[in-house]
PDB file of N, CA and C in Angstrom:
ATOM      1  N   MET A   1     -97.033 151.317  68.468  1.00  0.00           N
ATOM      2  CA  MET A   1     -95.842 150.509  68.291  1.00  0.00           C
ATOM      3  C   MET A   1     -95.248 150.132  69.703  1.00  0.00           C
ATOM      4  N   ASN A   2     -94.904 149.012  69.975  1.00  0.00           N
ATOM      5  CA  ASN A   2     -94.385 148.781  71.401  1.00  0.00           C
ATOM      6  C   ASN A   2     -92.883 148.940  71.300  1.00  0.00           C
ATOM      7  N   GLN A   3     -92.222 148.739  72.239  1.00  0.00           N
ATOM      8  CA  GLN A   3     -90.665 148.812  72.511  1.00  0.00           C
ATOM      9  C   GLN A   3     -89.899 147.832  71.684  1.00  0.00           C
ATOM     10  N   LEU A   4     -90.349 146.560  71.590  1.00  0.00           N
ATOM     11  CA  LEU A   4     -89.767 145.504  70.751  1.00  0.00           C
ATOM     12  C   LEU A   4     -89.641 145.784  69.407  1.00  0.00           C
ATOM     13  N   GLU A   5     -90.811 146.450  68.769  1.00  0.00           N
ATOM     14  CA  GLU A   5     -90.801 146.791  67.399  1.00  0.00           C
ATOM     15  C   GLU A   5     -89.840 147.809  67.071  1.00  0.00           C
ATOM     16  N   ASN A   6     -89.661 148.842  67.961  1.00  0.00           N
ATOM     17  CA  ASN A   6     -88.685 149.942  67.848  1.00  0.00           C
ATOM     18  C   ASN A   6     -87.159 149.379  67.973  1.00  0.00           C
ATOM     19  N   ASP A   7     -87.023 148.440  68.837  1.00  0.00           N
ATOM     20  CA  ASP A   7     -85.633 147.989  68.947  1.00  0.00           C
ATOM     21  C   ASP A   7     -85.175 147.052  67.725  1.00  0.00           C
ATOM     22  N   SER A   8     -86.129 146.369  67.177  1.00  0.00           N
ATOM     23  CA  SER A   8     -85.756 145.562  65.938  1.00  0.00           C
ATOM     24  C   SER A   8     -85.351 146.385  64.879  1.00  0.00           C
ATOM     25  N   HIS A   9     -85.616 147.688  64.824  1.00  0.00           N
ATOM     26  CA  HIS A   9     -85.297 148.507  63.675  1.00  0.00           C
ATOM     27  C   HIS A   9     -84.058 149.528  63.908  1.00  0.00           C
ATOM     28  N   ALA A  10     -83.351 149.184  65.171  1.00  0.00           N
ATOM     29  CA  ALA A  10     -82.345 149.996  65.580  1.00  0.00           C
ATOM     30  C   ALA A  10     -81.045 149.720  64.725  1.00  0.00           C
ATOM     31  N   PRO A  11     -80.371 150.672  64.311  1.00  0.00           N
ATOM     32  CA  PRO A  11     -79.020 150.396  63.529  1.00  0.00           C
ATOM     33  C   PRO A  11     -78.122 149.751  64.410  1.00  0.00           C
ATOM     34  N   SER A  12     -77.216 149.007  63.684  1.00  0.00           N
ATOM     35  CA  SER A  12     -76.082 148.257  64.419  1.00  0.00           C
ATOM     36  C   SER A  12     -75.133 149.271  64.995  1.00  0.00           C
ATOM     37  N   PHE A  13     -74.223 148.739  65.822  1.00  0.00           N
ATOM     38  CA  PHE A  13     -73.262 149.732  66.415  1.00  0.00           C
ATOM     39  C   PHE A  13     -72.505 150.419  65.643  1.00  0.00           C
ATOM     40  N   TRP A  14     -72.081 149.806  64.536  1.00  0.00           N
ATOM     41  CA  TRP A  14     -71.114 150.443  63.456  1.00  0.00           C
ATOM     42  C   TRP A  14     -71.850 151.476  62.652  1.00  0.00           C
ATOM     43  N   ARG A  15     -73.269 151.559  62.626  1.00  0.00           N
ATOM     44  CA  ARG A  15     -73.943 152.491  61.887  1.00  0.00           C
ATOM     45  C   ARG A  15     -74.243 153.663  62.716  1.00  0.00           C
ATOM     46  N   ARG A  16     -74.156 153.605  64.027  1.00  0.00           N
ATOM     47  CA  ARG A  16     -74.380 154.814  64.912  1.00  0.00           C
ATOM     48  C   ARG A  16     -73.207 155.628  64.796  1.00  0.00           C
ATOM     49  N   PRO A  17     -73.352 157.034  65.219  1.00  0.00           N
ATOM     50  CA  PRO A  17     -72.389 157.948  65.171  1.00  0.00           C
ATOM     51  C   PRO A  17     -71.021 157.494  66.002  1.00  0.00           C
ATOM     52  N   VAL A  18     -71.356 156.979  67.129  1.00  0.00           N
ATOM     53  CA  VAL A  18     -70.263 156.693  67.994  1.00  0.00           C
ATOM     54  C   VAL A  18     -69.524 155.467  67.409  1.00  0.00           C
ATOM     55  N   GLY A  19     -70.195 154.516  66.754  1.00  0.00           N
ATOM     56  CA  GLY A  19     -69.321 153.450  66.121  1.00  0.00           C
ATOM     57  C   GLY A  19     -68.739 153.993  64.854  1.00  0.00           C
ATOM     58  N   MET A  20     -69.274 154.830  64.106  1.00  0.00           N
ATOM     59  CA  MET A  20     -68.585 155.462  63.087  1.00  0.00           C
ATOM     60  C   MET A  20     -67.358 156.219  63.406  1.00  0.00           C
ATOM     61  N   ALA A  21     -67.534 157.041  64.555  1.00  0.00           N
ATOM     62  CA  ALA A  21     -66.313 157.680  65.081  1.00  0.00           C
ATOM     63  C   ALA A  21     -65.228 156.747  65.556  1.00  0.00           C
ATOM     64  N   LEU A  22     -65.494 155.745  66.216  1.00  0.00           N
ATOM     65  CA  LEU A  22     -64.587 154.756  66.644  1.00  0.00           C
ATOM     66  C   LEU A  22     -63.929 154.104  65.439  1.00  0.00           C
ATOM     67  N   ALA A  23     -64.632 153.664  64.462  1.00  0.00           N
ATOM     68  CA  ALA A  23     -63.983 153.192  63.337  1.00  0.00           C
ATOM     69  C   ALA A  23     -63.062 154.051  62.459  1.00  0.00           C
ATOM     70  N   THR A  24     -63.414 155.422  62.473  1.00  0.00           N
ATOM     71  CA  THR A  24     -62.628 156.348  61.877  1.00  0.00           C
ATOM     72  C   THR A  24     -61.300 156.515  62.608  1.00  0.00           C
ATOM     73  N   ALA A  25     -61.392 156.610  64.004  1.00  0.00           N
ATOM     74  CA  ALA A  25     -60.363 156.787  64.797  1.00  0.00           C
ATOM     75  C   ALA A  25     -59.388 155.588  64.647  1.00  0.00           C
ATOM     76  N   ALA A  26     -59.881 154.449  64.532  1.00  0.00           N
ATOM     77  CA  ALA A  26     -59.047 153.166  64.487  1.00  0.00           C
ATOM     78  C   ALA A  26     -58.403 153.259  63.176  1.00  0.00           C
ATOM     79  N   LEU A  27     -59.049 153.512  61.983  1.00  0.00           N
ATOM     80  CA  LEU A  27     -58.447 153.618  60.735  1.00  0.00           C
ATOM     81  C   LEU A  27     -57.354 154.681  60.743  1.00  0.00           C
ATOM     82  N   ILE A  28     -57.481 155.805  61.312  1.00  0.00           N
ATOM     83  CA  ILE A  28     -56.504 156.804  61.278  1.00  0.00           C
ATOM     84  C   ILE A  28     -55.261 156.336  62.065  1.00  0.00           C
ATOM     85  N   ALA A  29     -55.575 155.815  63.290  1.00  0.00           N
ATOM     86  CA  ALA A  29     -54.358 155.213  64.134  1.00  0.00           C
ATOM     87  C   ALA A  29     -53.821 154.178  63.444  1.00  0.00           C
ATOM     88  N   GLY A  30     -54.444 153.321  62.700  1.00  0.00           N
ATOM     89  CA  GLY A  30     -53.766 152.178  61.928  1.00  0.00           C
ATOM     90  C   GLY A  30     -52.893 152.686  60.887  1.00  0.00           C
ATOM     91  N   PHE A  31     -53.412 153.748  60.205  1.00  0.00           N
ATOM     92  CA  PHE A  31     -52.667 154.248  59.026  1.00  0.00           C
ATOM     93  C   PHE A  31     -51.254 154.880  59.609  1.00  0.00           C
ATOM     94  N   TYR A  32     -51.401 155.659  60.781  1.00  0.00           N
ATOM     95  CA  TYR A  32     -50.111 156.319  61.190  1.00  0.00           C
ATOM     96  C   TYR A  32     -49.229 155.350  61.783  1.00  0.00           C
ATOM     97  N   LEU A  33     -49.768 154.141  62.408  1.00  0.00           N
ATOM     98  CA  LEU A  33     -48.943 153.189  63.040  1.00  0.00           C
ATOM     99  C   LEU A  33     -48.100 152.349  61.942  1.00  0.00           C
ATOM    100  N   LEU A  34     -48.898 152.029  60.742  1.00  0.00           N
ATOM    101  CA  LEU A  34     -48.290 151.335  59.648  1.00  0.00           C
ATOM    102  C   LEU A  34     -47.215 152.297  59.004  1.00  0.00           C
ATOM    103  N   ARG A  35     -47.582 153.535  58.778  1.00  0.00           N
ATOM    104  CA  ARG A  35     -46.734 154.441  58.269  1.00  0.00           C
ATOM    105  C   ARG A  35     -45.403 154.621  58.955  1.00  0.00           C
ATOM    106  N   GLU A  36     -45.472 154.619  60.410  1.00  0.00           N
ATOM    107  CA  GLU A  36     -44.248 154.814  61.076  1.00  0.00           C
ATOM    108  C   GLU A  36     -43.349 153.511  61.146  1.00  0.00           C
ATOM    109  N   HIS A  37     -44.027 152.354  61.042  1.00  0.00           N
ATOM    110  CA  HIS A  37     -43.382 151.157  61.189  1.00  0.00           C
ATOM    111  C   HIS A  37     -43.232 150.265  59.954  1.00  0.00           C
ATOM    112  N   TRP A  38     -43.290 150.977  58.801  1.00  0.00           N
ATOM    113  CA  TRP A  38     -43.402 150.376  57.481  1.00  0.00           C
ATOM    114  C   TRP A  38     -42.178 149.502  57.292  1.00  0.00           C
ATOM    115  N   GLY A  39     -41.001 149.822  57.662  1.00  0.00           N
ATOM    116  CA  GLY A  39     -39.818 149.141  57.618  1.00  0.00           C
ATOM    117  C   GLY A  39     -39.833 147.769  58.284  1.00  0.00           C
ATOM    118  N   HIS A  40     -40.579 147.750  59.469  1.00  0.00           N
ATOM    119  CA  HIS A  40     -40.635 146.574  60.228  1.00  0.00           C
ATOM    120  C   HIS A  40     -41.561 145.627  59.579  1.00  0.00           C
ATOM    121  N   VAL A  41     -42.744 146.148  59.088  1.00  0.00           N
ATOM    122  CA  VAL A  41     -43.722 145.380  58.472  1.00  0.00           C
ATOM    123  C   VAL A  41     -43.083 144.699  57.132  1.00  0.00           C
ATOM    124  N   LEU A  42     -42.386 145.529  56.379  1.00  0.00           N
ATOM    125  CA  LEU A  42     -41.949 145.176  55.098  1.00  0.00           C
ATOM    126  C   LEU A  42     -40.902 143.982  55.335  1.00  0.00           C
ATOM    127  N   GLY A  43     -40.237 144.054  56.378  1.00  0.00           N
ATOM    128  CA  GLY A  43     -39.245 143.002  56.670  1.00  0.00           C
ATOM    129  C   GLY A  43     -39.820 141.633  57.008  1.00  0.00           C
ATOM    130  N   TYR A  44     -40.902 141.715  57.599  1.00  0.00           N
ATOM    131  CA  TYR A  44     -41.712 140.405  57.924  1.00  0.00           C
ATOM    132  C   TYR A  44     -42.679 140.063  56.831  1.00  0.00           C
ATOM    133  N   TRP A  45     -42.875 140.680  55.802  1.00  0.00           N
ATOM    134  CA  TRP A  45     -43.845 140.346  54.618  1.00  0.00           C
ATOM    135  C   TRP A  45     -43.732 138.963  54.103  1.00  0.00           C
ATOM    136  N   PRO A  46     -42.522 138.454  53.825  1.00  0.00           N
ATOM    137  CA  PRO A  46     -42.431 137.199  53.335  1.00  0.00           C
ATOM    138  C   PRO A  46     -42.938 136.039  54.219  1.00  0.00           C
ATOM    139  N   TYR A  47     -42.718 136.269  55.485  1.00  0.00           N
ATOM    140  CA  TYR A  47     -43.266 135.318  56.475  1.00  0.00           C
ATOM    141  C   TYR A  47     -44.711 135.353  56.612  1.00  0.00           C
ATOM    142  N   LEU A  48     -45.246 136.582  56.653  1.00  0.00           N
ATOM    143  CA  LEU A  48     -46.744 136.785  56.658  1.00  0.00           C
ATOM    144  C   LEU A  48     -47.391 136.036  55.492  1.00  0.00           C
ATOM    145  N   LEU A  49     -46.750 136.222  54.229  1.00  0.00           N
ATOM    146  CA  LEU A  49     -47.233 135.531  53.065  1.00  0.00           C
ATOM    147  C   LEU A  49     -47.275 133.976  53.088  1.00  0.00           C
ATOM    148  N   LEU A  50     -46.270 133.446  53.825  1.00  0.00           N
ATOM    149  CA  LEU A  50     -46.157 132.018  54.103  1.00  0.00           C
ATOM    150  C   LEU A  50     -47.026 131.522  55.105  1.00  0.00           C
ATOM    151  N   ALA A  51     -47.445 132.340  56.015  1.00  0.00           N
ATOM    152  CA  ALA A  51     -48.150 131.869  57.187  1.00  0.00           C
ATOM    153  C   ALA A  51     -49.588 131.222  56.869  1.00  0.00           C
ATOM    154  N   CYS A  52     -50.299 131.876  55.837  1.00  0.00           N
ATOM    155  CA  CYS A  52     -51.576 131.319  55.620  1.00  0.00           C
ATOM    156  C   CYS A  52     -51.447 129.939  54.971  1.00  0.00           C
ATOM    157  N   PRO A  53     -50.648 129.696  53.869  1.00  0.00           N
ATOM    158  CA  PRO A  53     -50.583 128.398  53.291  1.00  0.00           C
ATOM    159  C   PRO A  53     -50.161 127.328  54.289  1.00  0.00           C
ATOM    160  N   LEU A  54     -49.096 127.660  55.135  1.00  0.00           N
ATOM    161  CA  LEU A  54     -48.661 126.818  56.172  1.00  0.00           C
ATOM    162  C   LEU A  54     -49.675 126.378  57.124  1.00  0.00           C
ATOM    163  N   MET A  55     -50.452 127.416  57.616  1.00  0.00           N
ATOM    164  CA  MET A  55     -51.486 127.078  58.627  1.00  0.00           C
ATOM    165  C   MET A  55     -52.615 126.281  57.926  1.00  0.00           C
ATOM    166  N   HIS A  56     -52.887 126.417  56.645  1.00  0.00           N
ATOM    167  CA  HIS A  56     -53.857 125.528  55.989  1.00  0.00           C
ATOM    168  C   HIS A  56     -53.351 124.149  55.941  1.00  0.00           C
ATOM    169  N   LEU A  57     -52.209 123.972  55.783  1.00  0.00           N
ATOM    170  CA  LEU A  57     -51.621 122.769  55.453  1.00  0.00           C
ATOM    171  C   LEU A  57     -51.484 121.915  56.881  1.00  0.00           C
ATOM    172  N   MET A  58     -51.143 122.588  57.833  1.00  0.00           N
ATOM    173  CA  MET A  58     -51.033 122.006  59.239  1.00  0.00           C
ATOM    174  C   MET A  58     -52.404 121.872  59.951  1.00  0.00           C
ATOM    175  N   HIS A  59     -53.287 122.859  59.743  1.00  0.00           N
ATOM    176  CA  HIS A  59     -54.541 122.723  60.551  1.00  0.00           C
ATOM    177  C   HIS A  59     -55.647 122.603  59.578  1.00  0.00           C
ATOM    178  N   GLY A  60     -55.585 121.844  58.559  1.00  0.00           N
ATOM    179  CA  GLY A  60     -56.700 121.784  57.556  1.00  0.00           C
ATOM    180  C   GLY A  60     -57.905 121.035  58.104  1.00  0.00           C
ATOM    181  N   HIS A  61     -57.837 120.323  59.190  1.00  0.00           N
ATOM    182  CA  HIS A  61     -59.073 119.637  59.665  1.00  0.00           C
ATOM    183  C   HIS A  61     -59.884 120.306  60.651  1.00  0.00           C
ATOM    184  N   GLY A  62     -59.497 121.531  60.979  1.00  0.00           N
ATOM    185  CA  GLY A  62     -60.209 122.286  61.980  1.00  0.00           C
ATOM    186  C   GLY A  62     -61.288 123.251  61.462  1.00  0.00           C
ATOM    187  N   HIS A  63     -61.798 123.141  60.123  1.00  0.00           N
ATOM    188  CA  HIS A  63     -62.705 123.931  59.656  1.00  0.00           C
ATOM    189  C   HIS A  63     -64.051 123.184  59.400  1.00  0.00           C
ATOM    190  N   GLY A  64     -64.317 122.336  60.278  1.00  0.00           N
ATOM    191  CA  GLY A  64     -65.670 121.581  60.211  1.00  0.00           C
ATOM    192  C   GLY A  64     -65.555 120.418  59.244  1.00  0.00           C
ATOM    193  N   ASP A  65     -64.433 119.982  58.776  1.00  0.00           N
ATOM    194  CA  ASP A  65     -64.347 118.843  57.988  1.00  0.00           C
ATOM    195  C   ASP A  65     -64.800 119.092  56.482  1.00  0.00           C
ATOM    196  N   HIS A  66     -65.345 120.262  56.170  1.00  0.00           N
ATOM    197  CA  HIS A  66     -65.819 120.572  54.857  1.00  0.00           C
ATOM    198  C   HIS A  66     -66.747 119.475  54.302  1.00  0.00           C
ATOM    199  N   GLY A  67     -67.608 118.883  55.085  1.00  0.00           N
ATOM    200  CA  GLY A  67     -68.699 118.079  54.604  1.00  0.00           C
ATOM    201  C   GLY A  67     -68.212 116.642  54.650  1.00  0.00           C
ATOM    202  N   ARG A  68     -67.117 116.222  55.191  1.00  0.00           N
ATOM    203  CA  ARG A  68     -66.620 114.953  55.244  1.00  0.00           C
ATOM    204  C   ARG A  68     -67.020 114.319  56.540  1.00  0.00           C
ATOM    205  N   HIS A  69     -68.338 113.968  56.596  1.00  0.00           N
ATOM    206  CA  HIS A  69     -68.911 113.399  57.837  1.00  0.00           C
ATOM    207  C   HIS A  69     -68.771 111.778  57.768  1.00  0.00           C
ATOM    208  N   SER A  70     -68.485 111.302  58.809  1.00  0.00           N
ATOM    209  CA  SER A  70     -68.466 109.710  58.886  1.00  0.00           C
ATOM    210  C   SER A  70     -69.956 109.252  58.749  1.00  0.00           C
ATOM    211  N   GLN A  71     -70.217 108.372  58.035  1.00  0.00           N
ATOM    212  CA  GLN A  71     -71.493 107.687  57.832  1.00  0.00           C
ATOM    213  C   GLN A  71     -71.371 106.210  58.194  1.00  0.00           C
ATOM    214  N   THR A  72     -72.489 105.722  58.708  1.00  0.00           N
ATOM    215  CA  THR A  72     -72.484 104.311  59.071  1.00  0.00           C
ATOM    216  C   THR A  72     -72.733 103.568  57.727  1.00  0.00           C
ATOM    217  N   PRO A  73     -72.196 102.378  57.569  1.00  0.00           N
ATOM    218  CA  PRO A  73     -72.367 101.615  56.298  1.00  0.00           C
ATOM    219  C   PRO A  73     -73.808 101.184  56.231  1.00  0.00           C
ATOM    220  N   GLU A  74     -74.310 101.303  55.057  1.00  0.00           N
ATOM    221  CA  GLU A  74     -75.685 100.706  54.933  1.00  0.00           C
ATOM    222  C   GLU A  74     -75.682  99.239  54.844  1.00  0.00           C
ATOM    223  N   ARG A  75     -76.746  98.607  55.507  1.00  0.00           N
ATOM    224  CA  ARG A  75     -76.951  97.220  55.530  1.00  0.00           C
ATOM    225  C   ARG A  75     -77.535  96.779  54.227  1.00  0.00           C
ATOM    226  N   THR A  76     -76.883  95.797  53.764  1.00  0.00           N
ATOM    227  CA  THR A  76     -77.357  95.204  52.431  1.00  0.00           C
ATOM    228  C   THR A  76     -77.932  93.762  52.711  1.00  0.00           C
ATOM    229  N   ASN A  77     -78.788  93.413  51.916  1.00  0.00           N
ATOM    230  CA  ASN A  77     -79.420  92.144  52.056  1.00  0.00           C
ATOM    231  C   ASN A  77     -78.918  91.214  50.928  1.00  0.00           C
ATOM    232  N   ASN A  78     -77.877  90.334  51.288  1.00  0.00           N
ATOM    233  CA  ASN A  78     -77.250  89.519  50.297  1.00  0.00           C
ATOM    234  C   ASN A  78     -77.975  88.159  50.078  1.00  0.00           C
ATOM    235  N   ASP A  79     -79.170  88.019  50.724  1.00  0.00           N
ATOM    236  CA  ASP A  79     -80.014  86.855  50.638  1.00  0.00           C
ATOM    237  C   ASP A  79     -80.535  86.703  49.147  1.00  0.00           C
ATOM    238  N   LYS A  80     -80.395  85.587  48.531  1.00  0.00           N
ATOM    239  CA  LYS A  80     -80.972  85.496  47.171  1.00  0.00           C
ATOM    240  C   LYS A  80     -82.212  84.709  47.410  1.00  0.00           C
ATOM    241  N   GLU A  81     -83.298  85.222  46.787  1.00  0.00           N
ATOM    242  CA  GLU A  81     -84.595  84.552  46.953  1.00  0.00           C
ATOM    243  C   GLU A  81     -84.978  83.928  45.702  1.00  0.00           C
TER     244      GLU A  81
END
């Protein structure tokens, strides 16, 4: 087996022990941060709920146009034979 074959089966960063430890520390820190500042977060909750629909209304064309590609009109032959 060469080095390229070994690298293709290497686990992703988040599956390695360092990645798992970093993710766990981030979750714990996020929990304590949210717990200490819950009053502030709860005060802004209505604004956060309105942010998603308003962003979709105002920026609806930024998602790749969802398949609405402009097409050139097809040429038709209106000559009657």
